[in-house]
Structures are given as C-alpha cells and as structure tokens.
Amino acid sequence: MAASDRVNVTVSVDDAHLSQIDQVVERLRSAGMHVDSSLASIGTILGHVAGDQVHALSRLPGVAAVEPERSYQLPPPESPIQ
C-alpha cells in the first residue's frame, strides 16, 4: 500500500473504556491501524490507517470518535489572494 493511501487519524476513547485503553489499542491494531502513540491521560490514540478503513475503526468497542487529519494549503506569499 502506498503511503499516500494512508490517513493519519486521532482516535478518542469513550469514557467507559478509558481504564482499558491498552485493549482499545490492540483492537485498533487488529483492524489495521498503525498506532504511533497512546495518550492514556487524555484518552487519545494517534496513528494511521488505510483510507478505506477509517470508518470501520469508529465501530470498534471503546472508540468514541475517529478524526482524520486535515491539511490546508495556503496560497504563496506572492499570490493576489491572501
């Protein structure tokens, strides 16, 4: 799979599973997510996954939300639109 087919995501763990964040991480890995970091103190897991798998992650037990990374491109400084 090409790197461009992968999407960086932020996963929020639901309140009921905060104490089980390690199990949520394992479910995400089993679903194909590469986990870069797990921030247990705020219930957030960061990583990347194939673009067509983003919505599947949100259906896993313990997952409250999956946010794909968004990017913005500003026009160059010499552009007439600023």
C-alpha atoms as a PDB file:
ATOM      1  CA  MET A   1       0.000   0.000   0.000  1.00  0.00           C
ATOM      2  CA  ALA A   2       1.360   3.395  -0.944  1.00  0.00           C
ATOM      3  CA  ALA A   3       1.977   5.932   1.794  1.00  0.00           C
ATOM      4  CA  SER A   4      -0.475   8.275   0.056  1.00  0.00           C
ATOM      5  CA  ASP A   5      -3.271   5.715   0.657  1.00  0.00           C
ATOM      6  CA  ARG A   6      -2.817   6.052   4.407  1.00  0.00           C
ATOM      7  CA  VAL A   7      -4.590   8.611   6.552  1.00  0.00           C
ATOM      8  CA  ASN A   8      -3.335   9.991   9.856  1.00  0.00           C
ATOM      9  CA  VAL A   9      -6.075   9.704  12.473  1.00  0.00           C
ATOM     10  CA  THR A  10      -6.811  10.719  16.040  1.00  0.00           C
ATOM     11  CA  VAL A  11      -8.984   8.237  17.929  1.00  0.00           C
ATOM     12  CA  SER A  12     -10.904   9.301  21.042  1.00  0.00           C
ATOM     13  CA  VAL A  13     -11.606   6.568  23.571  1.00  0.00           C
ATOM     14  CA  ASP A  14     -15.052   6.598  25.181  1.00  0.00           C
ATOM     15  CA  ASP A  15     -15.271   7.258  28.925  1.00  0.00           C
ATOM     16  CA  ALA A  16     -16.330   3.709  29.775  1.00  0.00           C
ATOM     17  CA  HIS A  17     -13.119   2.296  28.236  1.00  0.00           C
ATOM     18  CA  LEU A  18     -10.521   4.807  29.481  1.00  0.00           C
ATOM     19  CA  SER A  19      -9.175   2.308  32.014  1.00  0.00           C
ATOM     20  CA  GLN A  20      -8.924  -0.272  29.202  1.00  0.00           C
ATOM     21  CA  ILE A  21      -7.094   1.899  26.661  1.00  0.00           C
ATOM     22  CA  ASP A  22      -4.492  -0.830  26.040  1.00  0.00           C
ATOM     23  CA  GLN A  23      -7.242  -3.197  24.877  1.00  0.00           C
ATOM     24  CA  VAL A  24      -8.645  -0.479  22.606  1.00  0.00           C
ATOM     25  CA  VAL A  25      -5.149  -0.027  21.120  1.00  0.00           C
ATOM     26  CA  GLU A  26      -4.994  -3.771  20.401  1.00  0.00           C
ATOM     27  CA  ARG A  27      -8.417  -3.696  18.708  1.00  0.00           C
ATOM     28  CA  LEU A  28      -7.277  -0.792  16.526  1.00  0.00           C
ATOM     29  CA  ARG A  29      -4.089  -2.662  15.577  1.00  0.00           C
ATOM     30  CA  SER A  30      -6.098  -5.774  14.736  1.00  0.00           C
ATOM     31  CA  ALA A  31      -8.297  -3.625  12.486  1.00  0.00           C
ATOM     32  CA  GLY A  32      -5.222  -2.450  10.553  1.00  0.00           C
ATOM     33  CA  MET A  33      -4.273   0.794  12.294  1.00  0.00           C
ATOM     34  CA  HIS A  34      -0.595   1.517  12.867  1.00  0.00           C
ATOM     35  CA  VAL A  35      -0.564   3.091  16.345  1.00  0.00           C
ATOM     36  CA  ASP A  36       2.091   5.781  16.790  1.00  0.00           C
ATOM     37  CA  SER A  37       1.198   6.767  20.351  1.00  0.00           C
ATOM     38  CA  SER A  38      -1.359   6.242  23.068  1.00  0.00           C
ATOM     39  CA  LEU A  39      -2.095   9.139  25.406  1.00  0.00           C
ATOM     40  CA  ALA A  40      -3.910   7.420  28.270  1.00  0.00           C
ATOM     41  CA  SER A  41      -4.205  10.566  30.395  1.00  0.00           C
ATOM     42  CA  ILE A  42      -6.458  12.200  27.784  1.00  0.00           C
ATOM     43  CA  GLY A  43      -7.939   9.083  26.180  1.00  0.00           C
ATOM     44  CA  THR A  44      -6.441   9.663  22.749  1.00  0.00           C
ATOM     45  CA  ILE A  45      -4.685   7.318  20.331  1.00  0.00           C
ATOM     46  CA  LEU A  46      -2.707   8.613  17.345  1.00  0.00           C
ATOM     47  CA  GLY A  47      -1.709   6.699  14.253  1.00  0.00           C
ATOM     48  CA  HIS A  48      -2.501   5.984  10.616  1.00  0.00           C
ATOM     49  CA  VAL A  49      -4.655   3.573   8.669  1.00  0.00           C
ATOM     50  CA  ALA A  50      -5.704   2.821   5.094  1.00  0.00           C
ATOM     51  CA  GLY A  51      -8.156   5.452   3.909  1.00  0.00           C
ATOM     52  CA  ASP A  52     -10.909   2.917   3.332  1.00  0.00           C
ATOM     53  CA  GLN A  53     -10.629   1.653   6.933  1.00  0.00           C
ATOM     54  CA  VAL A  54     -11.257   4.956   8.746  1.00  0.00           C
ATOM     55  CA  HIS A  55     -14.996   4.428   9.209  1.00  0.00           C
ATOM     56  CA  ALA A  56     -14.555   0.808  10.326  1.00  0.00           C
ATOM     57  CA  LEU A  57     -12.435   1.976  13.273  1.00  0.00           C
ATOM     58  CA  SER A  58     -15.322   4.032  14.659  1.00  0.00           C
ATOM     59  CA  ARG A  59     -17.410   0.858  15.095  1.00  0.00           C
ATOM     60  CA  LEU A  60     -14.903  -0.820  17.415  1.00  0.00           C
ATOM     61  CA  PRO A  61     -15.796  -1.182  21.118  1.00  0.00           C
ATOM     62  CA  GLY A  62     -14.247   1.622  23.161  1.00  0.00           C
ATOM     63  CA  VAL A  63     -13.934   4.073  20.266  1.00  0.00           C
ATOM     64  CA  ALA A  64     -15.901   7.303  20.720  1.00  0.00           C
ATOM     65  CA  ALA A  65     -14.686   9.064  17.544  1.00  0.00           C
ATOM     66  CA  VAL A  66     -12.152   8.837  14.723  1.00  0.00           C
ATOM     67  CA  GLU A  67     -10.902  12.130  13.268  1.00  0.00           C
ATOM     68  CA  PRO A  68      -8.908  12.038  10.025  1.00  0.00           C
ATOM     69  CA  GLU A  69      -6.092  14.578   9.839  1.00  0.00           C
ATOM     70  CA  ARG A  70      -6.960  17.651   7.859  1.00  0.00           C
ATOM     71  CA  SER A  71      -4.496  19.685   5.879  1.00  0.00           C
ATOM     72  CA  TYR A  72      -4.664  23.164   4.493  1.00  0.00           C
ATOM     73  CA  GLN A  73      -2.673  24.753   1.710  1.00  0.00           C
ATOM     74  CA  LEU A  74      -2.151  28.493   1.922  1.00  0.00           C
ATOM     75  CA  PRO A  75      -1.503  30.392  -1.271  1.00  0.00           C
ATOM     76  CA  PRO A  76       2.105  31.503  -1.825  1.00  0.00           C
ATOM     77  CA  PRO A  77       3.043  34.973  -0.484  1.00  0.00           C
ATOM     78  CA  GLU A  78       3.141  36.458  -3.996  1.00  0.00           C
ATOM     79  CA  SER A  79      -0.405  35.268  -4.725  1.00  0.00           C
ATOM     80  CA  PRO A  80      -3.025  38.001  -5.242  1.00  0.00           C
ATOM     81  CA  ILE A  81      -5.345  36.187  -2.806  1.00  0.00           C
ATOM     82  CA  GLN A  82      -4.205  36.487   0.814  1.00  0.00           C
END
